[in-house]
Amino acid sequence: MFRPKVPTMPQPTGLVTPPAVVEPTTVIQHTPQTPAPAPVVAPVPARPTVQLTPGAVIALVGSGTAVVLVVGAVLVSMLLAVAITGASVAICALVIRSLISAEGKRR
């Protein structure tokens, strides 16, 4: 009753593929020949240089300026939203405080 039962390995179901058989291959040896001299090729630089045309420079500057303006507008609008929310919460707190103090003076 208190002895653990070890589960048996289940048998595979469905299609079972047989193991692949590896057959040895024969090695053919060739007689060494003298290689022809390699043609001289000019060395290729590791990284190609990027050449910017004046139009590409103007496009890059324009797109960079647009990105800075859009990001700045988003950040300023978020800051303005936080400031307006803070001011409205402060006004609500003042109104509630004055209502509570006026209620206390009447009684």
C-alpha atoms as a PDB file:
ATOM      1  CA  MET A   1       0.000   0.000   0.000  1.00  0.00           C
ATOM      2  CA  PHE A   2       2.780   2.434   0.875  1.00  0.00           C
ATOM      3  CA  ARG A   3       5.146   1.319  -1.863  1.00  0.00           C
ATOM      4  CA  PRO A   4       5.416   3.783  -4.777  1.00  0.00           C
ATOM      5  CA  LYS A   5       4.573   2.438  -8.179  1.00  0.00           C
ATOM      6  CA  VAL A   6       7.077   3.253 -10.893  1.00  0.00           C
ATOM      7  CA  PRO A   7       5.284   4.010 -14.149  1.00  0.00           C
ATOM      8  CA  THR A   8       6.256   1.884 -17.103  1.00  0.00           C
ATOM      9  CA  MET A   9       7.493   3.444 -20.293  1.00  0.00           C
ATOM     10  CA  PRO A  10       4.553   3.657 -22.713  1.00  0.00           C
ATOM     11  CA  GLN A  11       4.932   2.025 -26.092  1.00  0.00           C
ATOM     12  CA  PRO A  12       5.042   4.392 -29.066  1.00  0.00           C
ATOM     13  CA  THR A  13       1.841   4.716 -31.009  1.00  0.00           C
ATOM     14  CA  GLY A  14       1.425   5.582 -34.653  1.00  0.00           C
ATOM     15  CA  LEU A  15       4.132   5.339 -37.301  1.00  0.00           C
ATOM     16  CA  VAL A  16       7.606   4.490 -36.133  1.00  0.00           C
ATOM     17  CA  THR A  17      10.520   5.215 -38.467  1.00  0.00           C
ATOM     18  CA  PRO A  18      13.377   2.712 -38.477  1.00  0.00           C
ATOM     19  CA  PRO A  19      16.814   4.041 -37.570  1.00  0.00           C
ATOM     20  CA  ALA A  20      18.883   5.384 -40.431  1.00  0.00           C
ATOM     21  CA  VAL A  21      21.627   3.085 -41.702  1.00  0.00           C
ATOM     22  CA  VAL A  22      24.970   4.727 -42.391  1.00  0.00           C
ATOM     23  CA  GLU A  23      27.062   3.015 -45.043  1.00  0.00           C
ATOM     24  CA  PRO A  24      30.791   3.685 -45.335  1.00  0.00           C
ATOM     25  CA  THR A  25      31.993   5.403 -48.479  1.00  0.00           C
ATOM     26  CA  THR A  26      35.189   4.839 -50.393  1.00  0.00           C
ATOM     27  CA  VAL A  27      37.871   7.504 -50.467  1.00  0.00           C
ATOM     28  CA  ILE A  28      39.350   8.370 -53.870  1.00  0.00           C
ATOM     29  CA  GLN A  29      42.792   9.901 -53.780  1.00  0.00           C
ATOM     30  CA  HIS A  30      43.812  12.295 -56.514  1.00  0.00           C
ATOM     31  CA  THR A  31      47.328  13.077 -57.593  1.00  0.00           C
ATOM     32  CA  PRO A  32      48.333  16.546 -56.453  1.00  0.00           C
ATOM     33  CA  GLN A  33      48.656  19.135 -59.194  1.00  0.00           C
ATOM     34  CA  THR A  34      50.444  22.445 -59.036  1.00  0.00           C
ATOM     35  CA  PRO A  35      47.832  25.175 -58.596  1.00  0.00           C
ATOM     36  CA  ALA A  36      47.763  28.070 -61.016  1.00  0.00           C
ATOM     37  CA  PRO A  37      48.785  31.418 -59.508  1.00  0.00           C
ATOM     38  CA  ALA A  38      45.817  33.400 -58.304  1.00  0.00           C
ATOM     39  CA  PRO A  39      45.135  36.663 -60.133  1.00  0.00           C
ATOM     40  CA  VAL A  40      46.046  39.818 -58.240  1.00  0.00           C
ATOM     41  CA  VAL A  41      42.906  41.605 -57.041  1.00  0.00           C
ATOM     42  CA  ALA A  42      42.806  45.056 -55.477  1.00  0.00           C
ATOM     43  CA  PRO A  43      41.988  44.860 -51.741  1.00  0.00           C
ATOM     44  CA  VAL A  44      38.368  45.624 -50.924  1.00  0.00           C
ATOM     45  CA  PRO A  45      37.823  47.967 -47.965  1.00  0.00           C
ATOM     46  CA  ALA A  46      36.230  46.307 -44.951  1.00  0.00           C
ATOM     47  CA  ARG A  47      33.309  48.759 -44.852  1.00  0.00           C
ATOM     48  CA  PRO A  48      32.055  50.682 -47.837  1.00  0.00           C
ATOM     49  CA  THR A  49      32.042  54.433 -47.429  1.00  0.00           C
ATOM     50  CA  VAL A  50      28.659  56.130 -47.349  1.00  0.00           C
ATOM     51  CA  GLN A  51      28.418  59.082 -49.669  1.00  0.00           C
ATOM     52  CA  LEU A  52      25.626  61.539 -48.922  1.00  0.00           C
ATOM     53  CA  THR A  53      24.290  63.797 -51.597  1.00  0.00           C
ATOM     54  CA  PRO A  54      23.105  67.302 -50.681  1.00  0.00           C
ATOM     55  CA  GLY A  55      19.508  66.173 -51.158  1.00  0.00           C
ATOM     56  CA  ALA A  56      20.017  63.265 -48.737  1.00  0.00           C
ATOM     57  CA  VAL A  57      21.567  65.586 -46.143  1.00  0.00           C
ATOM     58  CA  ILE A  58      18.606  67.970 -46.403  1.00  0.00           C
ATOM     59  CA  ALA A  59      16.189  65.030 -46.084  1.00  0.00           C
ATOM     60  CA  LEU A  60      18.016  63.719 -42.992  1.00  0.00           C
ATOM     61  CA  VAL A  61      18.046  67.151 -41.345  1.00  0.00           C
ATOM     62  CA  GLY A  62      14.364  67.677 -42.160  1.00  0.00           C
ATOM     63  CA  SER A  63      13.311  64.284 -40.815  1.00  0.00           C
ATOM     64  CA  GLY A  64      15.421  64.749 -37.695  1.00  0.00           C
ATOM     65  CA  THR A  65      13.823  68.137 -37.073  1.00  0.00           C
ATOM     66  CA  ALA A  66      10.357  66.654 -37.559  1.00  0.00           C
ATOM     67  CA  VAL A  67      11.085  63.878 -35.066  1.00  0.00           C
ATOM     68  CA  VAL A  68      12.381  66.357 -32.478  1.00  0.00           C
ATOM     69  CA  LEU A  69       9.313  68.577 -32.919  1.00  0.00           C
ATOM     70  CA  VAL A  70       6.866  65.673 -32.624  1.00  0.00           C
ATOM     71  CA  VAL A  71       8.566  64.230 -29.545  1.00  0.00           C
ATOM     72  CA  GLY A  72       8.735  67.705 -27.979  1.00  0.00           C
ATOM     73  CA  ALA A  73       5.040  68.317 -28.646  1.00  0.00           C
ATOM     74  CA  VAL A  74       4.101  64.984 -27.073  1.00  0.00           C
ATOM     75  CA  LEU A  75       6.214  65.650 -23.990  1.00  0.00           C
ATOM     76  CA  VAL A  76       4.883  69.202 -23.562  1.00  0.00           C
ATOM     77  CA  SER A  77       1.284  67.992 -23.907  1.00  0.00           C
ATOM     78  CA  MET A  78       1.894  65.299 -21.277  1.00  0.00           C
ATOM     79  CA  LEU A  79       3.406  67.875 -18.919  1.00  0.00           C
ATOM     80  CA  LEU A  80       0.455  70.202 -19.519  1.00  0.00           C
ATOM     81  CA  ALA A  81      -1.999  67.365 -18.809  1.00  0.00           C
ATOM     82  CA  VAL A  82      -0.260  66.605 -15.513  1.00  0.00           C
ATOM     83  CA  ALA A  83      -0.257  70.295 -14.536  1.00  0.00           C
ATOM     84  CA  ILE A  84      -3.971  70.723 -15.329  1.00  0.00           C
ATOM     85  CA  THR A  85      -4.829  67.546 -13.419  1.00  0.00           C
ATOM     86  CA  GLY A  86      -2.830  68.715 -10.407  1.00  0.00           C
ATOM     87  CA  ALA A  87      -4.479  72.133 -10.436  1.00  0.00           C
ATOM     88  CA  SER A  88      -7.975  70.633 -10.682  1.00  0.00           C
ATOM     89  CA  VAL A  89      -7.266  68.234  -7.806  1.00  0.00           C
ATOM     90  CA  ALA A  90      -6.004  71.139  -5.690  1.00  0.00           C
ATOM     91  CA  ILE A  91      -9.146  73.179  -6.422  1.00  0.00           C
ATOM     92  CA  CYS A  92     -11.348  70.196  -5.561  1.00  0.00           C
ATOM     93  CA  ALA A  93      -9.475  69.760  -2.282  1.00  0.00           C
ATOM     94  CA  LEU A  94     -10.004  73.429  -1.389  1.00  0.00           C
ATOM     95  CA  VAL A  95     -13.722  73.252  -2.167  1.00  0.00           C
ATOM     96  CA  ILE A  96     -14.180  70.078  -0.135  1.00  0.00           C
ATOM     97  CA  ARG A  97     -12.205  71.560   2.774  1.00  0.00           C
ATOM     98  CA  SER A  98     -14.310  74.720   2.769  1.00  0.00           C
ATOM     99  CA  LEU A  99     -17.534  72.687   2.636  1.00  0.00           C
ATOM    100  CA  ILE A 100     -16.423  70.557   5.570  1.00  0.00           C
ATOM    101  CA  SER A 101     -15.351  73.578   7.648  1.00  0.00           C
ATOM    102  CA  ALA A 102     -18.608  75.456   6.869  1.00  0.00           C
ATOM    103  CA  GLU A 103     -20.607  72.373   7.901  1.00  0.00           C
ATOM    104  CA  GLY A 104     -18.702  72.184  11.170  1.00  0.00           C
ATOM    105  CA  LYS A 105     -19.356  75.877  12.041  1.00  0.00           C
ATOM    106  CA  ARG A 106     -23.121  75.519  11.599  1.00  0.00           C
ATOM    107  CA  ARG A 107     -23.512  72.874  14.252  1.00  0.00           C
END
